[in-house]
């Protein structure tokens, strides 16, 4: 459900009904240069892309280089949340 140009009370009432029935709700409006948007998506699944941590290079077993995690920008994994 998408709502624009409604009073605050009407938006809250519509959002409450949508939330109780598992319906996604979007509201927004624009006033000249200013505006707002609101989304009540309830519970939902999404995927986040994470950069894998590179393994330490062989031969470096001690010191600060061995303890510092290195990110490998070439390798990523998708994590469902």
C-alpha atoms as a PDB file:
ATOM      1  CA  UNK A   1       0.000   0.000   0.000  1.00  0.00           C
ATOM      2  CA  UNK A   2       1.379   3.444  -0.968  1.00  0.00           C
ATOM      3  CA  UNK A   3      -0.040   6.586   0.664  1.00  0.00           C
ATOM      4  CA  UNK A   4       0.643  10.257  -0.107  1.00  0.00           C
ATOM      5  CA  UNK A   5      -1.107  13.461   0.869  1.00  0.00           C
ATOM      6  CA  UNK A   6      -2.920  11.965   3.895  1.00  0.00           C
ATOM      7  CA  UNK A   7      -3.182  13.277   7.420  1.00  0.00           C
ATOM      8  CA  UNK A   8      -0.913  11.761  10.063  1.00  0.00           C
ATOM      9  CA  UNK A   9      -3.862  10.066  11.768  1.00  0.00           C
ATOM     10  CA  UNK A  10      -5.025   8.467   8.511  1.00  0.00           C
ATOM     11  CA  UNK A  11      -1.496   7.199   7.752  1.00  0.00           C
ATOM     12  CA  UNK A  12      -1.152   5.684  11.230  1.00  0.00           C
ATOM     13  CA  UNK A  13      -4.523   3.964  10.927  1.00  0.00           C
ATOM     14  CA  UNK A  14      -3.697   2.547   7.466  1.00  0.00           C
ATOM     15  CA  UNK A  15      -0.227   1.452   8.624  1.00  0.00           C
ATOM     16  CA  UNK A  16      -1.693  -0.340  11.646  1.00  0.00           C
ATOM     17  CA  UNK A  17      -4.133  -2.301   9.444  1.00  0.00           C
ATOM     18  CA  UNK A  18      -1.381  -3.157   6.950  1.00  0.00           C
ATOM     19  CA  UNK A  19       1.019  -4.250   9.691  1.00  0.00           C
ATOM     20  CA  UNK A  20      -1.587  -6.522  11.307  1.00  0.00           C
ATOM     21  CA  UNK A  21      -2.255  -8.214   7.949  1.00  0.00           C
ATOM     22  CA  UNK A  22       1.370  -8.544   6.796  1.00  0.00           C
ATOM     23  CA  UNK A  23       0.996  -5.976   4.005  1.00  0.00           C
ATOM     24  CA  UNK A  24       3.927  -3.709   3.165  1.00  0.00           C
ATOM     25  CA  UNK A  25       3.219   0.002   3.676  1.00  0.00           C
ATOM     26  CA  UNK A  26       4.874   3.038   2.102  1.00  0.00           C
ATOM     27  CA  UNK A  27       4.059   6.681   2.867  1.00  0.00           C
ATOM     28  CA  UNK A  28       5.600   9.909   1.650  1.00  0.00           C
ATOM     29  CA  UNK A  29       5.008  13.467   0.623  1.00  0.00           C
ATOM     30  CA  UNK A  30       6.889  16.500  -0.682  1.00  0.00           C
ATOM     31  CA  UNK A  31       6.599  20.112   0.480  1.00  0.00           C
ATOM     32  CA  UNK A  32       8.650  22.313  -1.849  1.00  0.00           C
ATOM     33  CA  UNK A  33      12.288  21.407  -1.238  1.00  0.00           C
ATOM     34  CA  UNK A  34      11.478  19.189   1.728  1.00  0.00           C
ATOM     35  CA  UNK A  35       9.861  15.790   1.867  1.00  0.00           C
ATOM     36  CA  UNK A  36       9.761  12.482   3.681  1.00  0.00           C
ATOM     37  CA  UNK A  37       9.317   8.789   3.058  1.00  0.00           C
ATOM     38  CA  UNK A  38       8.416   5.975   5.418  1.00  0.00           C
ATOM     39  CA  UNK A  39       8.367   2.227   4.788  1.00  0.00           C
ATOM     40  CA  UNK A  40       6.950  -0.437   7.098  1.00  0.00           C
ATOM     41  CA  UNK A  41       8.094  -3.697   5.530  1.00  0.00           C
ATOM     42  CA  UNK A  42       7.387  -5.859   8.561  1.00  0.00           C
ATOM     43  CA  UNK A  43       9.597  -8.905   8.746  1.00  0.00           C
ATOM     44  CA  UNK A  44      11.432  -9.641   5.529  1.00  0.00           C
ATOM     45  CA  UNK A  45      14.513 -11.432   4.232  1.00  0.00           C
ATOM     46  CA  UNK A  46      17.318  -9.689   2.406  1.00  0.00           C
ATOM     47  CA  UNK A  47      20.813 -10.524   1.171  1.00  0.00           C
ATOM     48  CA  UNK A  48      23.922  -8.588   2.163  1.00  0.00           C
ATOM     49  CA  UNK A  49      27.198  -8.754   0.255  1.00  0.00           C
ATOM     50  CA  UNK A  50      30.230  -9.316   2.522  1.00  0.00           C
ATOM     51  CA  UNK A  51      33.912  -9.089   1.557  1.00  0.00           C
ATOM     52  CA  UNK A  52      35.845 -12.235   2.426  1.00  0.00           C
ATOM     53  CA  UNK A  53      38.852 -11.962   4.737  1.00  0.00           C
ATOM     54  CA  UNK A  54      42.011 -13.115   2.977  1.00  0.00           C
ATOM     55  CA  UNK A  55      44.088 -15.831   4.611  1.00  0.00           C
ATOM     56  CA  UNK A  56      47.470 -14.765   5.957  1.00  0.00           C
ATOM     57  CA  UNK A  57      50.332 -15.328   3.575  1.00  0.00           C
ATOM     58  CA  UNK A  58      52.633 -18.282   4.277  1.00  0.00           C
ATOM     59  CA  UNK A  59      55.932 -17.387   5.876  1.00  0.00           C
ATOM     60  CA  UNK A  60      54.490 -14.566   7.982  1.00  0.00           C
ATOM     61  CA  UNK A  61      53.822 -16.306  11.278  1.00  0.00           C
ATOM     62  CA  UNK A  62      54.445 -13.591  13.846  1.00  0.00           C
ATOM     63  CA  UNK A  63      54.277  -9.845  14.219  1.00  0.00           C
ATOM     64  CA  UNK A  64      51.637  -7.266  13.391  1.00  0.00           C
ATOM     65  CA  UNK A  65      51.242  -8.394   9.765  1.00  0.00           C
ATOM     66  CA  UNK A  66      50.150 -11.874  10.850  1.00  0.00           C
ATOM     67  CA  UNK A  67      47.499 -10.462  13.204  1.00  0.00           C
ATOM     68  CA  UNK A  68      46.060  -7.888  10.823  1.00  0.00           C
ATOM     69  CA  UNK A  69      43.047  -9.164   8.848  1.00  0.00           C
ATOM     70  CA  UNK A  70      43.267  -8.398   5.153  1.00  0.00           C
ATOM     71  CA  UNK A  71      40.182  -7.927   3.004  1.00  0.00           C
ATOM     72  CA  UNK A  72      40.173  -9.419  -0.449  1.00  0.00           C
ATOM     73  CA  UNK A  73      38.010  -7.093  -2.540  1.00  0.00           C
ATOM     74  CA  UNK A  74      37.937  -9.610  -5.392  1.00  0.00           C
ATOM     75  CA  UNK A  75      36.083 -12.215  -3.311  1.00  0.00           C
ATOM     76  CA  UNK A  76      32.679 -11.601  -1.799  1.00  0.00           C
ATOM     77  CA  UNK A  77      29.959 -13.797  -0.381  1.00  0.00           C
ATOM     78  CA  UNK A  78      26.225 -13.248  -0.066  1.00  0.00           C
ATOM     79  CA  UNK A  79      24.746 -13.551   3.429  1.00  0.00           C
ATOM     80  CA  UNK A  80      20.992 -13.961   3.929  1.00  0.00           C
ATOM     81  CA  UNK A  81      19.622 -11.958   6.844  1.00  0.00           C
END
